[in-house]
Amino acid sequence: MTDVQIKAADGGTFSAYLAEPKGTGKAPGMIVIQEIFGINGNIRAICDDYAAQGYVALAPDLFWRQEPGVQLDSTTKAGWDRAMQFFQGFSETKGVEDLSTALAWLRQHPRLSNKVGCVGYCLGGKLAYLMATRSDVDASVGYYGVAIEGSIGEAAAITKPLMLHAAEKDGFSSPEALKKVQDGLAPIVHATVHVYPGQDHAFARKGGEHYDAGAAKLADGRTEQFFADNLKA
C-alpha cells in the first residue's frame, strides 16, 4: 500500500492510493472512486479489501484541484461541512477526466492482467455511472450515486456492464429521481439497478449513521460476484 503520483491530462499531478494483491502474479485492476470526504481511511480500507480479493486497486484524489490530500471524517459535523464545500467546488467533467487518466495509468501497471473495473460511493457512485458512459472501463458499480438522473441521457453510450445500488429512502435523492434512473437504464442490456427497501444514503459505509449490515452485505456480495464475472472470467 502506497501513494503514487499521476500526471493529469491538462497539466499538474495528483496522488492516488495504490494497494496491490499479495504475490507477484498478474491481476485485474480496480479504481475506487471517493465519496465527498476525499481519500480517507474508509476509502483506503476499501482499496485494501479489493487488493485482498485479488485486484490492483487505485483510489485517485479527485479534490486535488481544490486542495491535495483531502481526508475528512464523515462522522463529524466539521467533516461534513468541509466535504460539502469541496463538493460545491468540484468539477464533474474534470473528475471524469482525472479518472480516465487514472484508468490509463492503471492499464500500464506491470501487474495488470487485462481488465479494469471501477466502483464508487456517493459522489463516486455518480462518477462510476459517468465512467460507464464516457470511458472504456470494463465494468462499473455505483453505490447510492446522487443526481444520476440529470445525466441519464448518456445511458445509450453504455457498452460495458454497469450495476447501481440505490437506497429506496435516500435522503439526498427522491423516488422520482430513482424512477427516472430505472426507466432510463431499462433498455440498456448491460445495466442493472438494485434498490434496497427502507435504506437511506450510505447504507454500506461502515461507521456511518445509516449503515445497515444486512443491506451492505447483500450489495457487497452482488458487487463481488459482478466483478468476478466481468473482470476475472
C-alpha atoms as a PDB file:
ATOM      1  CA  MET A   1       0.000   0.000   0.000  1.00  0.00           C
ATOM      2  CA  THR A   2       1.463   3.288  -1.118  1.00  0.00           C
ATOM      3  CA  ASP A   3       0.694   6.678  -2.612  1.00  0.00           C
ATOM      4  CA  VAL A   4       1.628   7.242  -6.257  1.00  0.00           C
ATOM      5  CA  GLN A   5       1.708  10.344  -8.457  1.00  0.00           C
ATOM      6  CA  ILE A   6      -0.165  10.537 -11.763  1.00  0.00           C
ATOM      7  CA  LYS A   7       0.205  13.241 -14.412  1.00  0.00           C
ATOM      8  CA  ALA A   8      -3.092  14.963 -15.178  1.00  0.00           C
ATOM      9  CA  ALA A   9      -4.186  15.367 -18.785  1.00  0.00           C
ATOM     10  CA  ASP A  10      -4.256  19.159 -18.517  1.00  0.00           C
ATOM     11  CA  GLY A  11      -1.059  19.599 -16.507  1.00  0.00           C
ATOM     12  CA  GLY A  12      -0.082  19.102 -12.901  1.00  0.00           C
ATOM     13  CA  THR A  13      -0.112  15.862 -10.945  1.00  0.00           C
ATOM     14  CA  PHE A  14      -2.450  14.209  -8.495  1.00  0.00           C
ATOM     15  CA  SER A  15      -1.886  11.487  -5.950  1.00  0.00           C
ATOM     16  CA  ALA A  16      -3.614   8.140  -5.726  1.00  0.00           C
ATOM     17  CA  TYR A  17      -3.626   5.408  -3.114  1.00  0.00           C
ATOM     18  CA  LEU A  18      -2.426   2.089  -4.552  1.00  0.00           C
ATOM     19  CA  ALA A  19      -2.993  -1.329  -2.979  1.00  0.00           C
ATOM     20  CA  GLU A  20      -1.673  -4.488  -4.631  1.00  0.00           C
ATOM     21  CA  PRO A  21      -2.597  -8.119  -4.003  1.00  0.00           C
ATOM     22  CA  LYS A  22      -0.115 -10.442  -2.351  1.00  0.00           C
ATOM     23  CA  GLY A  23       2.420 -12.215  -4.502  1.00  0.00           C
ATOM     24  CA  THR A  24       3.836 -11.159  -7.846  1.00  0.00           C
ATOM     25  CA  GLY A  25       1.275 -12.523 -10.284  1.00  0.00           C
ATOM     26  CA  LYS A  26      -0.921 -10.625 -12.692  1.00  0.00           C
ATOM     27  CA  ALA A  27      -4.302  -9.328 -11.548  1.00  0.00           C
ATOM     28  CA  PRO A  28      -7.249  -7.271 -12.854  1.00  0.00           C
ATOM     29  CA  GLY A  29      -7.470  -3.629 -11.839  1.00  0.00           C
ATOM     30  CA  MET A  30      -9.995  -1.703  -9.735  1.00  0.00           C
ATOM     31  CA  ILE A  31     -10.457   2.053  -9.476  1.00  0.00           C
ATOM     32  CA  VAL A  32     -12.103   3.003  -6.192  1.00  0.00           C
ATOM     33  CA  ILE A  33     -13.889   6.344  -6.542  1.00  0.00           C
ATOM     34  CA  GLN A  34     -14.083   8.514  -3.448  1.00  0.00           C
ATOM     35  CA  GLU A  35     -17.028   9.966  -1.577  1.00  0.00           C
ATOM     36  CA  ILE A  36     -17.062  13.688  -0.766  1.00  0.00           C
ATOM     37  CA  PHE A  37     -14.645  13.031   2.115  1.00  0.00           C
ATOM     38  CA  GLY A  38     -11.536  12.519  -0.015  1.00  0.00           C
ATOM     39  CA  ILE A  39      -9.140   9.575   0.167  1.00  0.00           C
ATOM     40  CA  ASN A  40      -9.787   8.954   3.840  1.00  0.00           C
ATOM     41  CA  GLY A  41      -9.369   5.817   5.919  1.00  0.00           C
ATOM     42  CA  ASN A  42     -12.644   4.362   4.691  1.00  0.00           C
ATOM     43  CA  ILE A  43     -11.656   4.598   1.010  1.00  0.00           C
ATOM     44  CA  ARG A  44      -8.184   3.231   1.739  1.00  0.00           C
ATOM     45  CA  ALA A  45      -9.746   0.301   3.594  1.00  0.00           C
ATOM     46  CA  ILE A  46     -11.957  -0.429   0.573  1.00  0.00           C
ATOM     47  CA  CYS A  47      -8.850  -0.394  -1.636  1.00  0.00           C
ATOM     48  CA  ASP A  48      -7.088  -2.774   0.739  1.00  0.00           C
ATOM     49  CA  ASP A  49     -10.102  -5.080   0.642  1.00  0.00           C
ATOM     50  CA  TYR A  50     -10.084  -5.164  -3.164  1.00  0.00           C
ATOM     51  CA  ALA A  51      -6.372  -5.943  -3.089  1.00  0.00           C
ATOM     52  CA  ALA A  52      -7.138  -8.835  -0.730  1.00  0.00           C
ATOM     53  CA  GLN A  53      -9.726 -10.034  -3.271  1.00  0.00           C
ATOM     54  CA  GLY A  54      -7.028 -10.115  -5.944  1.00  0.00           C
ATOM     55  CA  TYR A  55      -7.215  -6.701  -7.620  1.00  0.00           C
ATOM     56  CA  VAL A  56      -4.644  -3.975  -8.197  1.00  0.00           C
ATOM     57  CA  ALA A  57      -6.706  -1.220  -6.543  1.00  0.00           C
ATOM     58  CA  LEU A  58      -6.250   2.506  -7.083  1.00  0.00           C
ATOM     59  CA  ALA A  59      -8.084   5.441  -5.440  1.00  0.00           C
ATOM     60  CA  PRO A  60      -7.300   8.778  -7.161  1.00  0.00           C
ATOM     61  CA  ASP A  61      -7.508  12.067  -5.272  1.00  0.00           C
ATOM     62  CA  LEU A  62     -10.274  13.929  -7.134  1.00  0.00           C
ATOM     63  CA  PHE A  63     -10.236  17.077  -4.978  1.00  0.00           C
ATOM     64  CA  TRP A  64      -6.589  17.870  -5.771  1.00  0.00           C
ATOM     65  CA  ARG A  65      -7.512  20.854  -7.944  1.00  0.00           C
ATOM     66  CA  GLN A  66      -9.002  22.487  -4.842  1.00  0.00           C
ATOM     67  CA  GLU A  67      -6.704  21.029  -2.168  1.00  0.00           C
ATOM     68  CA  PRO A  68      -4.429  17.980  -2.471  1.00  0.00           C
ATOM     69  CA  GLY A  69      -4.639  15.192   0.069  1.00  0.00           C
ATOM     70  CA  VAL A  70      -8.110  15.811   1.498  1.00  0.00           C
ATOM     71  CA  GLN A  71      -9.004  13.232   4.165  1.00  0.00           C
ATOM     72  CA  LEU A  72     -12.156  14.104   6.111  1.00  0.00           C
ATOM     73  CA  ASP A  73     -14.012  12.414   8.957  1.00  0.00           C
ATOM     74  CA  SER A  74     -17.525  11.508   7.795  1.00  0.00           C
ATOM     75  CA  THR A  75     -18.741  11.153  11.402  1.00  0.00           C
ATOM     76  CA  THR A  76     -18.307  14.809  12.419  1.00  0.00           C
ATOM     77  CA  LYS A  77     -20.183  17.987  11.505  1.00  0.00           C
ATOM     78  CA  ALA A  78     -16.881  19.723  10.712  1.00  0.00           C
ATOM     79  CA  GLY A  79     -16.001  16.923   8.319  1.00  0.00           C
ATOM     80  CA  TRP A  80     -19.377  17.169   6.599  1.00  0.00           C
ATOM     81  CA  ASP A  81     -19.194  20.960   6.351  1.00  0.00           C
ATOM     82  CA  ARG A  82     -15.778  20.862   4.673  1.00  0.00           C
ATOM     83  CA  ALA A  83     -16.833  17.972   2.468  1.00  0.00           C
ATOM     84  CA  MET A  84     -19.822  19.925   1.173  1.00  0.00           C
ATOM     85  CA  GLN A  85     -17.530  22.867   0.372  1.00  0.00           C
ATOM     86  CA  PHE A  86     -15.280  20.641  -1.690  1.00  0.00           C
ATOM     87  CA  PHE A  87     -18.306  19.092  -3.371  1.00  0.00           C
ATOM     88  CA  GLN A  88     -19.653  22.529  -4.334  1.00  0.00           C
ATOM     89  CA  GLY A  89     -16.311  23.415  -5.910  1.00  0.00           C
ATOM     90  CA  PHE A  90     -15.898  20.095  -7.712  1.00  0.00           C
ATOM     91  CA  SER A  91     -15.941  19.838 -11.498  1.00  0.00           C
ATOM     92  CA  GLU A  92     -17.656  16.631 -12.571  1.00  0.00           C
ATOM     93  CA  THR A  93     -16.147  16.927 -16.035  1.00  0.00           C
ATOM     94  CA  LYS A  94     -12.607  17.275 -14.672  1.00  0.00           C
ATOM     95  CA  GLY A  95     -13.275  14.451 -12.211  1.00  0.00           C
ATOM     96  CA  VAL A  96     -14.165  12.045 -15.000  1.00  0.00           C
ATOM     97  CA  GLU A  97     -11.142  13.280 -16.939  1.00  0.00           C
ATOM     98  CA  ASP A  98      -8.877  12.512 -13.968  1.00  0.00           C
ATOM     99  CA  LEU A  99     -10.491   9.106 -13.510  1.00  0.00           C
ATOM    100  CA  SER A 100      -9.906   8.316 -17.179  1.00  0.00           C
ATOM    101  CA  THR A 101      -6.273   9.357 -16.746  1.00  0.00           C
ATOM    102  CA  ALA A 102      -6.022   7.089 -13.703  1.00  0.00           C
ATOM    103  CA  LEU A 103      -7.598   4.285 -15.734  1.00  0.00           C
ATOM    104  CA  ALA A 104      -4.957   4.676 -18.442  1.00  0.00           C
ATOM    105  CA  TRP A 105      -2.222   4.736 -15.767  1.00  0.00           C
ATOM    106  CA  LEU A 106      -3.549   1.558 -14.165  1.00  0.00           C
ATOM    107  CA  ARG A 107      -3.744  -0.241 -17.503  1.00  0.00           C
ATOM    108  CA  GLN A 108       0.040   0.267 -17.781  1.00  0.00           C
ATOM    109  CA  HIS A 109       0.765  -1.159 -14.322  1.00  0.00           C
ATOM    110  CA  PRO A 110       3.214  -4.086 -14.619  1.00  0.00           C
ATOM    111  CA  ARG A 111       0.976  -6.402 -12.584  1.00  0.00           C
ATOM    112  CA  LEU A 112      -2.202  -5.732 -14.525  1.00  0.00           C
ATOM    113  CA  SER A 113      -3.571  -8.826 -16.258  1.00  0.00           C
ATOM    114  CA  ASN A 114      -6.134  -7.314 -18.570  1.00  0.00           C
ATOM    115  CA  LYS A 115      -9.388  -5.730 -17.435  1.00  0.00           C
ATOM    116  CA  VAL A 116     -10.092  -2.806 -15.094  1.00  0.00           C
ATOM    117  CA  GLY A 117     -13.315  -2.049 -13.221  1.00  0.00           C
ATOM    118  CA  CYS A 118     -14.416   0.905 -11.130  1.00  0.00           C
ATOM    119  CA  VAL A 119     -16.534   1.193  -8.010  1.00  0.00           C
ATOM    120  CA  GLY A 120     -17.747   4.434  -6.472  1.00  0.00           C
ATOM    121  CA  TYR A 121     -19.733   5.642  -3.489  1.00  0.00           C
ATOM    122  CA  CYS A 122     -21.948   8.724  -3.088  1.00  0.00           C
ATOM    123  CA  LEU A 123     -20.215  11.275  -5.348  1.00  0.00           C
ATOM    124  CA  GLY A 124     -18.238   8.322  -6.652  1.00  0.00           C
ATOM    125  CA  GLY A 125     -21.457   6.470  -7.419  1.00  0.00           C
ATOM    126  CA  LYS A 126     -22.427   9.160  -9.917  1.00  0.00           C
ATOM    127  CA  LEU A 127     -18.886   9.208 -11.323  1.00  0.00           C
ATOM    128  CA  ALA A 128     -18.918   5.413 -11.730  1.00  0.00           C
ATOM    129  CA  TYR A 129     -22.025   5.832 -13.877  1.00  0.00           C
ATOM    130  CA  LEU A 130     -20.287   8.535 -15.925  1.00  0.00           C
ATOM    131  CA  MET A 131     -17.251   6.298 -16.359  1.00  0.00           C
ATOM    132  CA  ALA A 132     -19.614   3.719 -17.874  1.00  0.00           C
ATOM    133  CA  THR A 133     -20.918   6.324 -20.330  1.00  0.00           C
ATOM    134  CA  ARG A 134     -17.688   8.219 -21.072  1.00  0.00           C
ATOM    135  CA  SER A 135     -14.746   5.822 -20.762  1.00  0.00           C
ATOM    136  CA  ASP A 136     -13.623   2.350 -21.810  1.00  0.00           C
ATOM    137  CA  VAL A 137     -13.623   0.940 -18.264  1.00  0.00           C
ATOM    138  CA  ASP A 138     -14.586  -2.739 -18.403  1.00  0.00           C
ATOM    139  CA  ALA A 139     -17.238  -2.808 -15.651  1.00  0.00           C
ATOM    140  CA  SER A 140     -18.677  -0.218 -13.246  1.00  0.00           C
ATOM    141  CA  VAL A 141     -20.530  -0.284  -9.942  1.00  0.00           C
ATOM    142  CA  GLY A 142     -22.093   2.740  -8.254  1.00  0.00           C
ATOM    143  CA  TYR A 143     -23.367   2.845  -4.688  1.00  0.00           C
ATOM    144  CA  TYR A 144     -26.143   5.404  -3.985  1.00  0.00           C
ATOM    145  CA  GLY A 145     -24.965   7.836  -6.636  1.00  0.00           C
ATOM    146  CA  VAL A 146     -26.557  11.260  -6.340  1.00  0.00           C
ATOM    147  CA  ALA A 147     -28.112  13.106  -9.305  1.00  0.00           C
ATOM    148  CA  ILE A 148     -27.559  10.358 -11.874  1.00  0.00           C
ATOM    149  CA  GLU A 149     -30.990  11.245 -13.270  1.00  0.00           C
ATOM    150  CA  GLY A 150     -29.526  14.515 -14.570  1.00  0.00           C
ATOM    151  CA  SER A 151     -27.178  12.562 -16.854  1.00  0.00           C
ATOM    152  CA  ILE A 152     -29.484   9.679 -17.740  1.00  0.00           C
ATOM    153  CA  GLY A 153     -29.498  10.927 -21.325  1.00  0.00           C
ATOM    154  CA  GLU A 154     -25.981   9.483 -21.631  1.00  0.00           C
ATOM    155  CA  ALA A 155     -27.191   5.935 -20.928  1.00  0.00           C
ATOM    156  CA  ALA A 156     -27.238   4.991 -24.606  1.00  0.00           C
ATOM    157  CA  ALA A 157     -23.429   5.244 -24.615  1.00  0.00           C
ATOM    158  CA  ILE A 158     -23.065   2.358 -22.137  1.00  0.00           C
ATOM    159  CA  THR A 159     -21.435  -0.654 -23.804  1.00  0.00           C
ATOM    160  CA  LYS A 160     -19.881  -2.424 -20.779  1.00  0.00           C
ATOM    161  CA  PRO A 161     -21.592  -3.874 -17.680  1.00  0.00           C
ATOM    162  CA  LEU A 162     -22.940  -1.417 -15.106  1.00  0.00           C
ATOM    163  CA  MET A 163     -24.521  -2.134 -11.719  1.00  0.00           C
ATOM    164  CA  LEU A 164     -26.105   0.504  -9.481  1.00  0.00           C
ATOM    165  CA  HIS A 165     -27.090   0.103  -5.827  1.00  0.00           C
ATOM    166  CA  ALA A 166     -29.821   2.561  -4.828  1.00  0.00           C
ATOM    167  CA  ALA A 167     -31.320   3.321  -1.411  1.00  0.00           C
ATOM    168  CA  GLU A 168     -35.119   3.436  -1.518  1.00  0.00           C
ATOM    169  CA  LYS A 169     -35.264   6.249   1.032  1.00  0.00           C
ATOM    170  CA  ASP A 170     -32.094   8.122   0.038  1.00  0.00           C
ATOM    171  CA  GLY A 171     -32.164  11.484   1.814  1.00  0.00           C
ATOM    172  CA  PHE A 172     -30.121  13.058  -0.986  1.00  0.00           C
ATOM    173  CA  SER A 173     -32.450  11.866  -3.740  1.00  0.00           C
ATOM    174  CA  SER A 174     -36.143  11.183  -4.336  1.00  0.00           C
ATOM    175  CA  PRO A 175     -38.434   8.395  -5.553  1.00  0.00           C
ATOM    176  CA  GLU A 176     -38.980  10.391  -8.747  1.00  0.00           C
ATOM    177  CA  ALA A 177     -35.238  10.598  -9.395  1.00  0.00           C
ATOM    178  CA  LEU A 178     -34.823   6.868  -8.803  1.00  0.00           C
ATOM    179  CA  LYS A 179     -37.662   6.050 -11.194  1.00  0.00           C
ATOM    180  CA  LYS A 180     -36.067   8.241 -13.859  1.00  0.00           C
ATOM    181  CA  VAL A 181     -32.805   6.314 -13.487  1.00  0.00           C
ATOM    182  CA  GLN A 182     -34.579   2.955 -13.557  1.00  0.00           C
ATOM    183  CA  ASP A 183     -36.612   3.901 -16.624  1.00  0.00           C
ATOM    184  CA  GLY A 184     -33.585   5.357 -18.392  1.00  0.00           C
ATOM    185  CA  LEU A 185     -31.494   2.234 -17.835  1.00  0.00           C
ATOM    186  CA  ALA A 186     -34.271  -0.277 -18.525  1.00  0.00           C
ATOM    187  CA  PRO A 187     -33.444  -0.545 -22.262  1.00  0.00           C
ATOM    188  CA  ILE A 188     -29.704  -0.966 -21.590  1.00  0.00           C
ATOM    189  CA  VAL A 189     -28.959  -4.676 -21.663  1.00  0.00           C
ATOM    190  CA  HIS A 190     -25.677  -4.255 -19.749  1.00  0.00           C
ATOM    191  CA  ALA A 191     -27.198  -2.224 -16.885  1.00  0.00           C
ATOM    192  CA  THR A 192     -28.717  -3.446 -13.606  1.00  0.00           C
ATOM    193  CA  VAL A 193     -30.265  -1.379 -10.805  1.00  0.00           C
ATOM    194  CA  HIS A 194     -30.751  -2.899  -7.346  1.00  0.00           C
ATOM    195  CA  VAL A 195     -32.996  -0.994  -4.936  1.00  0.00           C
ATOM    196  CA  TYR A 196     -32.642  -1.599  -1.193  1.00  0.00           C
ATOM    197  CA  PRO A 197     -36.024  -1.197   0.564  1.00  0.00           C
ATOM    198  CA  GLY A 198     -36.088   1.071   3.582  1.00  0.00           C
ATOM    199  CA  GLN A 199     -32.438   2.056   3.241  1.00  0.00           C
ATOM    200  CA  ASP A 200     -31.038   5.574   3.379  1.00  0.00           C
ATOM    201  CA  HIS A 201     -27.952   7.086   1.757  1.00  0.00           C
ATOM    202  CA  ALA A 202     -24.582   5.455   2.560  1.00  0.00           C
ATOM    203  CA  PHE A 203     -26.112   2.277   3.958  1.00  0.00           C
ATOM    204  CA  ALA A 204     -22.873   0.445   3.098  1.00  0.00           C
ATOM    205  CA  ARG A 205     -20.458   2.890   4.805  1.00  0.00           C
ATOM    206  CA  LYS A 206     -19.152   1.219   7.948  1.00  0.00           C
ATOM    207  CA  GLY A 207     -19.452   3.528  10.925  1.00  0.00           C
ATOM    208  CA  GLY A 208     -21.931   5.758   9.120  1.00  0.00           C
ATOM    209  CA  GLU A 209     -25.226   6.942  10.574  1.00  0.00           C
ATOM    210  CA  HIS A 210     -27.288   4.863   8.146  1.00  0.00           C
ATOM    211  CA  TYR A 211     -25.041   1.807   7.938  1.00  0.00           C
ATOM    212  CA  ASP A 212     -27.051  -1.395   7.631  1.00  0.00           C
ATOM    213  CA  ALA A 213     -25.025  -4.593   7.888  1.00  0.00           C
ATOM    214  CA  GLY A 214     -27.577  -6.733   6.064  1.00  0.00           C
ATOM    215  CA  ALA A 215     -28.056  -4.394   3.119  1.00  0.00           C
ATOM    216  CA  ALA A 216     -24.314  -3.740   2.914  1.00  0.00           C
ATOM    217  CA  LYS A 217     -23.556  -7.462   2.854  1.00  0.00           C
ATOM    218  CA  LEU A 218     -26.115  -8.024   0.101  1.00  0.00           C
ATOM    219  CA  ALA A 219     -24.804  -5.133  -2.018  1.00  0.00           C
ATOM    220  CA  ASP A 220     -21.153  -6.041  -1.485  1.00  0.00           C
ATOM    221  CA  GLY A 221     -21.851  -9.679  -2.328  1.00  0.00           C
ATOM    222  CA  ARG A 222     -23.574  -8.698  -5.544  1.00  0.00           C
ATOM    223  CA  THR A 223     -20.680  -6.404  -6.385  1.00  0.00           C
ATOM    224  CA  GLU A 224     -18.049  -9.049  -5.691  1.00  0.00           C
ATOM    225  CA  GLN A 225     -19.814 -11.556  -7.957  1.00  0.00           C
ATOM    226  CA  PHE A 226     -20.376  -8.903 -10.647  1.00  0.00           C
ATOM    227  CA  PHE A 227     -16.686  -8.055 -10.811  1.00  0.00           C
ATOM    228  CA  ALA A 228     -15.637 -11.716 -10.643  1.00  0.00           C
ATOM    229  CA  ASP A 229     -17.890 -12.445 -13.630  1.00  0.00           C
ATOM    230  CA  ASN A 230     -16.828  -9.424 -15.679  1.00  0.00           C
ATOM    231  CA  LEU A 231     -13.165  -8.887 -14.789  1.00  0.00           C
ATOM    232  CA  LYS A 232     -11.783 -12.261 -13.728  1.00  0.00           C
ATOM    233  CA  ALA A 233     -13.666 -14.635 -16.040  1.00  0.00           C
END
